[in-house]
N, C-alpha and C. Protein backbone atom coordinates (compact mmCIF):
# COMPACT_ATOMS: atom_id res chain seq x y z
N MET A 1 185.84 -50.09 -138.64
CA MET A 1 187.17 -49.49 -138.63
C MET A 1 187.81 -49.75 -137.27
N ASP A 2 189.04 -50.23 -137.28
CA ASP A 2 189.80 -50.45 -136.04
C ASP A 2 190.52 -49.14 -135.72
N PHE A 3 189.86 -48.27 -134.97
CA PHE A 3 190.36 -46.93 -134.70
C PHE A 3 191.74 -46.95 -134.05
N GLU A 4 191.93 -47.81 -133.07
CA GLU A 4 193.19 -47.84 -132.34
C GLU A 4 194.38 -48.17 -133.25
N THR A 5 194.20 -49.09 -134.17
CA THR A 5 195.27 -49.44 -135.11
C THR A 5 195.65 -48.24 -135.98
N HIS A 6 194.64 -47.55 -136.50
CA HIS A 6 194.91 -46.38 -137.34
C HIS A 6 195.54 -45.26 -136.52
N TYR A 7 195.08 -45.07 -135.31
CA TYR A 7 195.65 -44.06 -134.43
C TYR A 7 197.13 -44.34 -134.19
N ASN A 8 197.46 -45.56 -133.82
CA ASN A 8 198.86 -45.91 -133.55
C ASN A 8 199.73 -45.76 -134.79
N ARG A 9 199.20 -46.08 -135.95
CA ARG A 9 199.97 -46.01 -137.19
C ARG A 9 200.13 -44.57 -137.69
N LEU A 10 199.11 -43.76 -137.49
CA LEU A 10 199.11 -42.41 -138.07
C LEU A 10 199.43 -41.29 -137.09
N PHE A 11 199.60 -41.60 -135.82
CA PHE A 11 199.82 -40.55 -134.83
C PHE A 11 201.03 -39.68 -135.19
N LYS A 12 202.19 -40.29 -135.40
CA LYS A 12 203.39 -39.51 -135.70
C LYS A 12 203.30 -38.78 -137.04
N PRO A 13 202.83 -39.42 -138.11
CA PRO A 13 202.70 -38.67 -139.37
C PRO A 13 201.74 -37.47 -139.28
N ILE A 14 200.65 -37.63 -138.55
CA ILE A 14 199.71 -36.50 -138.39
C ILE A 14 200.40 -35.38 -137.62
N LEU A 15 201.06 -35.69 -136.53
CA LEU A 15 201.74 -34.67 -135.74
C LEU A 15 202.84 -34.00 -136.55
N ALA A 16 203.60 -34.78 -137.32
CA ALA A 16 204.67 -34.20 -138.15
C ALA A 16 204.08 -33.28 -139.22
N TYR A 17 202.98 -33.70 -139.84
CA TYR A 17 202.33 -32.87 -140.84
C TYR A 17 201.87 -31.54 -140.23
N VAL A 18 201.18 -31.61 -139.10
CA VAL A 18 200.68 -30.40 -138.45
C VAL A 18 201.85 -29.51 -138.04
N GLN A 19 202.88 -30.09 -137.45
CA GLN A 19 204.07 -29.33 -137.03
C GLN A 19 204.73 -28.65 -138.23
N SER A 20 204.78 -29.33 -139.35
CA SER A 20 205.41 -28.72 -140.54
C SER A 20 204.61 -27.53 -141.05
N ARG A 21 203.32 -27.53 -140.78
CA ARG A 21 202.46 -26.43 -141.24
C ARG A 21 202.44 -25.26 -140.26
N VAL A 22 202.38 -25.52 -138.94
CA VAL A 22 202.16 -24.42 -138.00
C VAL A 22 203.42 -23.93 -137.31
N GLN A 23 204.49 -24.70 -137.32
CA GLN A 23 205.77 -24.28 -136.76
C GLN A 23 205.71 -23.94 -135.27
N ASN A 24 204.82 -24.56 -134.54
CA ASN A 24 204.68 -24.31 -133.12
C ASN A 24 204.28 -25.63 -132.47
N MET A 25 205.19 -26.20 -131.69
CA MET A 25 204.95 -27.54 -131.16
C MET A 25 203.73 -27.59 -130.25
N GLY A 26 203.53 -26.58 -129.43
CA GLY A 26 202.37 -26.55 -128.55
C GLY A 26 201.08 -26.53 -129.34
N ALA A 27 201.02 -25.65 -130.34
CA ALA A 27 199.82 -25.57 -131.19
C ALA A 27 199.65 -26.85 -131.98
N ALA A 28 200.75 -27.43 -132.47
CA ALA A 28 200.67 -28.67 -133.25
C ALA A 28 200.09 -29.81 -132.41
N ALA A 29 200.52 -29.90 -131.16
CA ALA A 29 199.99 -30.96 -130.29
C ALA A 29 198.50 -30.76 -130.04
N ASP A 30 198.09 -29.51 -129.84
CA ASP A 30 196.67 -29.22 -129.63
C ASP A 30 195.85 -29.55 -130.87
N ILE A 31 196.36 -29.16 -132.02
CA ILE A 31 195.64 -29.41 -133.27
C ILE A 31 195.55 -30.91 -133.53
N ALA A 32 196.66 -31.63 -133.32
CA ALA A 32 196.66 -33.08 -133.53
C ALA A 32 195.65 -33.75 -132.60
N ALA A 33 195.57 -33.29 -131.37
CA ALA A 33 194.59 -33.85 -130.43
C ALA A 33 193.17 -33.60 -130.94
N SER A 34 192.95 -32.41 -131.48
CA SER A 34 191.64 -32.08 -132.04
C SER A 34 191.31 -32.96 -133.24
N VAL A 35 192.33 -33.24 -134.06
CA VAL A 35 192.15 -34.11 -135.22
C VAL A 35 191.65 -35.48 -134.77
N TRP A 36 192.32 -36.05 -133.78
CA TRP A 36 191.95 -37.40 -133.32
C TRP A 36 190.61 -37.40 -132.60
N GLN A 37 190.30 -36.32 -131.91
CA GLN A 37 188.99 -36.23 -131.27
C GLN A 37 187.89 -36.21 -132.32
N LYS A 38 188.08 -35.41 -133.37
CA LYS A 38 187.07 -35.34 -134.44
C LYS A 38 186.97 -36.67 -135.18
N ALA A 39 188.12 -37.30 -135.42
CA ALA A 39 188.09 -38.60 -136.11
C ALA A 39 187.32 -39.62 -135.27
N TRP A 40 187.52 -39.60 -133.95
CA TRP A 40 186.80 -40.52 -133.07
C TRP A 40 185.31 -40.24 -133.10
N GLU A 41 184.96 -38.96 -132.99
CA GLU A 41 183.55 -38.59 -132.96
C GLU A 41 182.84 -38.90 -134.28
N LYS A 42 183.57 -38.82 -135.40
CA LYS A 42 182.95 -39.00 -136.72
C LYS A 42 183.31 -40.33 -137.36
N ARG A 43 183.86 -41.24 -136.58
CA ARG A 43 184.31 -42.52 -137.15
C ARG A 43 183.19 -43.28 -137.84
N ALA A 44 181.97 -43.14 -137.38
CA ALA A 44 180.85 -43.84 -138.00
C ALA A 44 180.52 -43.26 -139.38
N GLN A 45 180.96 -42.03 -139.64
CA GLN A 45 180.69 -41.38 -140.92
C GLN A 45 181.72 -41.73 -142.00
N TYR A 46 182.82 -42.36 -141.58
CA TYR A 46 183.86 -42.73 -142.55
C TYR A 46 183.29 -43.71 -143.58
N ASP A 47 183.54 -43.41 -144.85
CA ASP A 47 183.06 -44.27 -145.94
C ASP A 47 184.27 -44.73 -146.75
N GLU A 48 184.59 -46.01 -146.66
CA GLU A 48 185.78 -46.53 -147.35
C GLU A 48 185.68 -46.40 -148.86
N LYS A 49 184.49 -46.24 -149.40
CA LYS A 49 184.31 -46.06 -150.84
C LYS A 49 184.84 -44.71 -151.31
N LYS A 50 184.93 -43.75 -150.40
CA LYS A 50 185.38 -42.41 -150.76
C LYS A 50 186.89 -42.24 -150.65
N GLY A 51 187.58 -43.18 -150.04
CA GLY A 51 189.03 -43.07 -149.92
C GLY A 51 189.56 -43.84 -148.73
N LEU A 52 190.87 -43.84 -148.62
CA LEU A 52 191.55 -44.55 -147.54
C LEU A 52 191.35 -43.82 -146.22
N VAL A 53 191.49 -44.53 -145.12
CA VAL A 53 191.41 -43.94 -143.79
C VAL A 53 192.47 -42.85 -143.66
N ASP A 54 193.65 -43.09 -144.21
CA ASP A 54 194.73 -42.10 -144.14
C ASP A 54 194.28 -40.77 -144.75
N GLN A 55 193.66 -40.84 -145.92
CA GLN A 55 193.18 -39.63 -146.58
C GLN A 55 192.13 -38.93 -145.73
N TRP A 56 191.24 -39.69 -145.15
CA TRP A 56 190.18 -39.14 -144.33
C TRP A 56 190.75 -38.40 -143.12
N VAL A 57 191.69 -39.04 -142.42
CA VAL A 57 192.27 -38.42 -141.23
C VAL A 57 193.11 -37.20 -141.62
N PHE A 58 193.87 -37.29 -142.70
CA PHE A 58 194.67 -36.13 -143.13
C PHE A 58 193.78 -34.99 -143.61
N THR A 59 192.62 -35.30 -144.16
CA THR A 59 191.68 -34.24 -144.54
C THR A 59 191.18 -33.52 -143.29
N ILE A 60 190.91 -34.27 -142.25
CA ILE A 60 190.52 -33.65 -140.97
C ILE A 60 191.67 -32.78 -140.47
N ALA A 61 192.90 -33.28 -140.58
CA ALA A 61 194.07 -32.51 -140.14
C ALA A 61 194.21 -31.22 -140.94
N ARG A 62 194.04 -31.30 -142.25
CA ARG A 62 194.11 -30.09 -143.10
C ARG A 62 193.07 -29.08 -142.66
N ASN A 63 191.86 -29.54 -142.41
CA ASN A 63 190.79 -28.64 -141.99
C ASN A 63 191.10 -28.00 -140.64
N GLU A 64 191.65 -28.77 -139.73
CA GLU A 64 191.98 -28.23 -138.41
C GLU A 64 193.13 -27.22 -138.50
N VAL A 65 194.11 -27.48 -139.35
CA VAL A 65 195.20 -26.52 -139.54
C VAL A 65 194.66 -25.23 -140.16
N ASN A 66 193.80 -25.37 -141.16
CA ASN A 66 193.22 -24.18 -141.78
C ASN A 66 192.38 -23.39 -140.79
N LYS A 67 191.65 -24.10 -139.94
CA LYS A 67 190.87 -23.42 -138.90
C LYS A 67 191.79 -22.69 -137.93
N TYR A 68 192.90 -23.33 -137.57
CA TYR A 68 193.89 -22.71 -136.68
C TYR A 68 194.40 -21.40 -137.28
N PHE A 69 194.75 -21.43 -138.56
CA PHE A 69 195.26 -20.22 -139.19
C PHE A 69 194.20 -19.13 -139.25
N GLY A 70 192.95 -19.51 -139.43
CA GLY A 70 191.87 -18.52 -139.39
C GLY A 70 191.76 -17.88 -138.02
N PHE A 71 191.77 -18.70 -136.97
CA PHE A 71 191.71 -18.16 -135.61
C PHE A 71 192.98 -17.40 -135.26
N TRP A 72 194.12 -17.92 -135.71
CA TRP A 72 195.40 -17.28 -135.42
C TRP A 72 195.45 -15.88 -136.02
N GLY A 73 194.96 -15.73 -137.24
CA GLY A 73 194.94 -14.42 -137.87
C GLY A 73 194.06 -13.45 -137.12
N LEU A 74 192.89 -13.92 -136.68
CA LEU A 74 192.01 -13.06 -135.90
C LEU A 74 192.65 -12.70 -134.56
N LYS A 75 193.24 -13.70 -133.92
CA LYS A 75 193.86 -13.47 -132.62
C LYS A 75 195.01 -12.48 -132.74
N ARG A 76 195.80 -12.63 -133.80
CA ARG A 76 196.93 -11.73 -134.01
C ARG A 76 196.44 -10.32 -134.32
N PHE A 77 195.37 -10.23 -135.08
CA PHE A 77 194.82 -8.92 -135.43
C PHE A 77 194.33 -8.19 -134.19
N PHE A 78 193.70 -8.93 -133.26
CA PHE A 78 193.15 -8.32 -132.07
C PHE A 78 194.07 -8.43 -130.85
N SER A 79 195.26 -8.97 -131.05
CA SER A 79 196.19 -9.18 -129.94
C SER A 79 196.78 -7.87 -129.45
N LEU A 80 197.03 -7.82 -128.16
CA LEU A 80 197.69 -6.65 -127.60
C LEU A 80 199.19 -6.71 -127.81
N THR A 81 199.75 -7.91 -127.83
CA THR A 81 201.20 -8.05 -127.93
C THR A 81 201.67 -8.41 -129.32
N GLU A 82 200.80 -8.98 -130.16
CA GLU A 82 201.12 -9.48 -131.48
C GLU A 82 202.22 -10.53 -131.48
N LYS A 83 202.48 -11.14 -130.33
CA LYS A 83 203.51 -12.16 -130.25
C LYS A 83 202.95 -13.50 -129.82
N GLU A 84 201.66 -13.60 -129.67
CA GLU A 84 201.05 -14.85 -129.26
C GLU A 84 201.11 -15.85 -130.40
N ASP A 85 201.27 -17.09 -130.05
CA ASP A 85 201.28 -18.20 -131.02
C ASP A 85 202.37 -18.09 -132.07
N THR A 86 203.47 -17.43 -131.78
CA THR A 86 204.57 -17.41 -132.73
C THR A 86 205.54 -18.52 -132.36
N TYR A 87 206.33 -18.91 -133.31
CA TYR A 87 207.28 -19.99 -133.09
C TYR A 87 208.38 -19.52 -132.16
N SER A 88 208.63 -20.27 -131.13
CA SER A 88 209.65 -19.93 -130.15
C SER A 88 210.86 -20.82 -130.38
N SER A 89 212.05 -20.21 -130.39
CA SER A 89 213.26 -21.00 -130.61
C SER A 89 213.53 -21.94 -129.45
N SER A 90 212.90 -21.69 -128.30
CA SER A 90 213.11 -22.58 -127.16
C SER A 90 212.27 -23.85 -127.27
N GLU A 91 211.29 -23.86 -128.20
CA GLU A 91 210.50 -25.07 -128.39
C GLU A 91 211.27 -26.04 -129.27
N ALA A 92 211.12 -27.30 -129.02
CA ALA A 92 211.81 -28.31 -129.82
C ALA A 92 210.82 -28.88 -130.82
N PRO A 93 210.88 -28.45 -132.08
CA PRO A 93 209.94 -28.99 -133.07
C PRO A 93 210.11 -30.49 -133.21
N LEU A 94 209.01 -31.16 -133.48
CA LEU A 94 209.01 -32.60 -133.63
C LEU A 94 210.03 -33.06 -134.65
N LEU A 95 210.09 -32.37 -135.77
CA LEU A 95 210.98 -32.81 -136.84
C LEU A 95 212.44 -32.74 -136.42
N GLU A 96 212.79 -31.76 -135.58
CA GLU A 96 214.18 -31.65 -135.14
C GLU A 96 214.56 -32.81 -134.24
N SER A 97 213.61 -33.33 -133.50
CA SER A 97 213.93 -34.43 -132.59
C SER A 97 213.93 -35.77 -133.31
N MET A 98 213.46 -35.79 -134.57
CA MET A 98 213.36 -37.06 -135.28
C MET A 98 214.69 -37.49 -135.89
N THR A 99 215.42 -36.58 -136.48
CA THR A 99 216.69 -36.94 -137.13
C THR A 99 217.68 -35.80 -136.95
N ASP A 100 218.43 -35.49 -137.97
CA ASP A 100 219.46 -34.46 -137.93
C ASP A 100 218.85 -33.09 -137.64
N LYS A 101 219.11 -32.57 -136.44
CA LYS A 101 218.47 -31.34 -135.99
C LYS A 101 218.77 -30.14 -136.88
N GLU A 102 220.00 -29.96 -137.23
CA GLU A 102 220.35 -28.78 -138.03
C GLU A 102 219.71 -28.84 -139.42
N ARG A 103 219.78 -29.98 -140.05
CA ARG A 103 219.19 -30.13 -141.39
C ARG A 103 217.69 -29.87 -141.36
N ASN A 104 217.02 -30.44 -140.39
CA ASN A 104 215.58 -30.26 -140.30
C ASN A 104 215.20 -28.83 -139.96
N SER A 105 216.00 -28.19 -139.14
CA SER A 105 215.75 -26.79 -138.82
C SER A 105 215.87 -25.94 -140.08
N ARG A 106 216.89 -26.20 -140.87
CA ARG A 106 217.06 -25.46 -142.13
C ARG A 106 215.93 -25.76 -143.10
N LEU A 107 215.50 -27.00 -143.13
CA LEU A 107 214.38 -27.37 -144.01
C LEU A 107 213.10 -26.65 -143.60
N LEU A 108 212.83 -26.60 -142.30
CA LEU A 108 211.63 -25.90 -141.83
C LEU A 108 211.70 -24.41 -142.15
N GLN A 109 212.88 -23.82 -142.01
CA GLN A 109 213.06 -22.41 -142.37
C GLN A 109 212.78 -22.21 -143.85
N ALA A 110 213.34 -23.07 -144.66
CA ALA A 110 213.16 -22.95 -146.11
C ALA A 110 211.70 -23.16 -146.49
N MET A 111 211.02 -24.07 -145.82
CA MET A 111 209.60 -24.31 -146.13
C MET A 111 208.75 -23.09 -145.87
N GLN A 112 209.16 -22.25 -144.93
CA GLN A 112 208.39 -21.05 -144.62
C GLN A 112 208.41 -20.05 -145.76
N THR A 113 209.34 -20.20 -146.69
CA THR A 113 209.41 -19.28 -147.82
C THR A 113 208.45 -19.69 -148.94
N LEU A 114 207.93 -20.91 -148.86
CA LEU A 114 206.96 -21.36 -149.86
C LEU A 114 205.61 -20.72 -149.59
N ASP A 115 204.83 -20.55 -150.65
CA ASP A 115 203.47 -20.06 -150.42
C ASP A 115 202.67 -21.16 -149.73
N GLY A 116 201.55 -20.79 -149.14
CA GLY A 116 200.77 -21.72 -148.33
C GLY A 116 200.35 -22.98 -149.05
N ARG A 117 199.94 -22.84 -150.31
CA ARG A 117 199.48 -24.01 -151.06
C ARG A 117 200.64 -24.97 -151.32
N ALA A 118 201.79 -24.45 -151.72
CA ALA A 118 202.96 -25.30 -151.97
C ALA A 118 203.41 -25.99 -150.69
N ARG A 119 203.43 -25.24 -149.59
CA ARG A 119 203.85 -25.82 -148.30
C ARG A 119 202.91 -26.94 -147.90
N GLU A 120 201.61 -26.74 -148.11
CA GLU A 120 200.63 -27.78 -147.77
C GLU A 120 200.84 -29.03 -148.61
N LEU A 121 201.04 -28.86 -149.92
CA LEU A 121 201.20 -30.02 -150.80
C LEU A 121 202.49 -30.78 -150.49
N VAL A 122 203.57 -30.06 -150.24
CA VAL A 122 204.85 -30.71 -149.88
C VAL A 122 204.68 -31.45 -148.56
N SER A 123 203.99 -30.85 -147.61
CA SER A 123 203.76 -31.51 -146.31
C SER A 123 202.95 -32.77 -146.47
N LEU A 124 201.88 -32.71 -147.29
CA LEU A 124 201.07 -33.91 -147.51
C LEU A 124 201.88 -35.00 -148.19
N LYS A 125 202.73 -34.61 -149.13
CA LYS A 125 203.50 -35.61 -149.88
C LYS A 125 204.58 -36.26 -149.01
N PHE A 126 205.33 -35.45 -148.27
CA PHE A 126 206.49 -36.01 -147.58
C PHE A 126 206.25 -36.31 -146.11
N PHE A 127 205.37 -35.59 -145.46
CA PHE A 127 205.07 -35.91 -144.06
C PHE A 127 203.86 -36.83 -143.98
N GLY A 128 202.94 -36.69 -144.93
CA GLY A 128 201.76 -37.54 -144.94
C GLY A 128 201.96 -38.82 -145.72
N GLY A 129 202.93 -38.81 -146.66
CA GLY A 129 203.22 -40.00 -147.45
C GLY A 129 202.22 -40.28 -148.56
N PHE A 130 201.50 -39.25 -149.02
CA PHE A 130 200.51 -39.44 -150.07
C PHE A 130 201.13 -39.24 -151.45
N ASN A 131 200.55 -39.92 -152.45
CA ASN A 131 201.00 -39.69 -153.82
C ASN A 131 200.19 -38.54 -154.42
N ASN A 132 200.57 -38.11 -155.61
CA ASN A 132 199.92 -36.95 -156.24
C ASN A 132 198.42 -37.16 -156.45
N ARG A 133 198.03 -38.36 -156.82
CA ARG A 133 196.61 -38.64 -157.05
C ARG A 133 195.81 -38.47 -155.75
N GLN A 134 196.34 -39.02 -154.66
CA GLN A 134 195.66 -38.90 -153.37
C GLN A 134 195.58 -37.45 -152.91
N ILE A 135 196.67 -36.72 -153.11
CA ILE A 135 196.69 -35.30 -152.74
C ILE A 135 195.67 -34.53 -153.57
N ALA A 136 195.58 -34.84 -154.85
CA ALA A 136 194.62 -34.18 -155.73
C ALA A 136 193.20 -34.43 -155.23
N GLN A 137 192.90 -35.66 -154.84
CA GLN A 137 191.58 -35.98 -154.33
C GLN A 137 191.27 -35.22 -153.04
N MET A 138 192.27 -35.08 -152.19
CA MET A 138 192.07 -34.40 -150.90
C MET A 138 191.90 -32.90 -151.05
N THR A 139 192.62 -32.31 -152.00
CA THR A 139 192.67 -30.85 -152.10
C THR A 139 191.79 -30.27 -153.19
N GLY A 140 191.37 -31.11 -154.15
CA GLY A 140 190.58 -30.60 -155.26
C GLY A 140 191.42 -29.96 -156.35
N ILE A 141 192.72 -30.11 -156.26
CA ILE A 141 193.65 -29.59 -157.27
C ILE A 141 193.93 -30.74 -158.24
N GLY A 142 194.07 -30.44 -159.52
CA GLY A 142 194.36 -31.48 -160.50
C GLY A 142 195.65 -32.21 -160.20
N GLU A 143 195.67 -33.50 -160.54
CA GLU A 143 196.83 -34.34 -160.24
C GLU A 143 198.12 -33.80 -160.88
N SER A 144 198.05 -33.41 -162.14
CA SER A 144 199.26 -32.89 -162.80
C SER A 144 199.67 -31.55 -162.19
N ASN A 145 198.70 -30.77 -161.76
CA ASN A 145 199.01 -29.49 -161.12
C ASN A 145 199.69 -29.73 -159.77
N VAL A 146 199.26 -30.74 -159.04
CA VAL A 146 199.91 -31.10 -157.78
C VAL A 146 201.38 -31.43 -158.06
N GLY A 147 201.63 -32.25 -159.07
CA GLY A 147 203.01 -32.62 -159.41
C GLY A 147 203.85 -31.41 -159.78
N THR A 148 203.27 -30.49 -160.54
CA THR A 148 204.01 -29.30 -160.94
C THR A 148 204.34 -28.42 -159.74
N ILE A 149 203.36 -28.20 -158.87
CA ILE A 149 203.58 -27.36 -157.69
C ILE A 149 204.62 -27.98 -156.77
N VAL A 150 204.52 -29.28 -156.55
CA VAL A 150 205.49 -29.96 -155.68
C VAL A 150 206.88 -29.91 -156.29
N SER A 151 206.98 -30.15 -157.59
CA SER A 151 208.27 -30.12 -158.26
C SER A 151 208.93 -28.74 -158.16
N ARG A 152 208.16 -27.69 -158.41
CA ARG A 152 208.70 -26.33 -158.31
C ARG A 152 209.09 -26.00 -156.86
N ALA A 153 208.28 -26.44 -155.93
CA ALA A 153 208.57 -26.19 -154.52
C ALA A 153 209.86 -26.89 -154.11
N LEU A 154 210.04 -28.13 -154.55
CA LEU A 154 211.26 -28.86 -154.23
C LEU A 154 212.49 -28.20 -154.84
N ALA A 155 212.37 -27.70 -156.06
CA ALA A 155 213.49 -26.99 -156.69
C ALA A 155 213.84 -25.75 -155.88
N LYS A 156 212.82 -25.04 -155.42
CA LYS A 156 213.06 -23.84 -154.61
C LYS A 156 213.71 -24.21 -153.28
N LEU A 157 213.23 -25.29 -152.66
CA LEU A 157 213.82 -25.73 -151.39
C LEU A 157 215.28 -26.15 -151.57
N ARG A 158 215.55 -26.91 -152.64
CA ARG A 158 216.94 -27.33 -152.90
C ARG A 158 217.85 -26.12 -153.05
N ALA A 159 217.43 -25.14 -153.82
CA ALA A 159 218.24 -23.94 -154.04
C ALA A 159 218.49 -23.21 -152.73
N GLN A 160 217.47 -23.10 -151.90
CA GLN A 160 217.64 -22.40 -150.63
C GLN A 160 218.54 -23.17 -149.68
N LEU A 161 218.42 -24.48 -149.66
CA LEU A 161 219.24 -25.29 -148.76
C LEU A 161 220.69 -25.29 -149.20
N GLU A 162 220.93 -25.18 -150.50
CA GLU A 162 222.31 -25.09 -150.99
C GLU A 162 222.95 -23.77 -150.59
N ASP A 163 222.13 -22.71 -150.51
CA ASP A 163 222.63 -21.38 -150.14
C ASP A 163 222.95 -21.28 -148.66
N LEU A 164 222.32 -22.11 -147.84
CA LEU A 164 222.53 -22.01 -146.38
C LEU A 164 223.82 -22.63 -145.95
């Protein structure tokens, strides 16, 4: 595996995916760094028969995001201020710097209204660039179920964006 080529190609999509899930640029950068560190450390374990490199790296990213939310929940539960690791309006999310800032800000707001599973599937589809079959393989959800969840989530997002 040519790690550097995959890193250069997938760096922005991984960061965008993580940012879309955690809504905190500082945390997203840390998580993305952890993703690439784990991918580097486990590169010898990658098996091309089990899937594409993209799927493998995004699976690591999903696991790191899920781990972050587990730690974040504990940290928030035991926090003295209950304001640690929350999204700050002074931070510039990656997606806002990529294209139309207002539209992306509204999209990120609307995505927060989706349940966690729908938000994850939409993020994998549009930030990760995976098709329903690949997402199904990564998540263990049936392919048709992935399509249904994504379709319903998109309808909900469209309705919310029209209202804004």
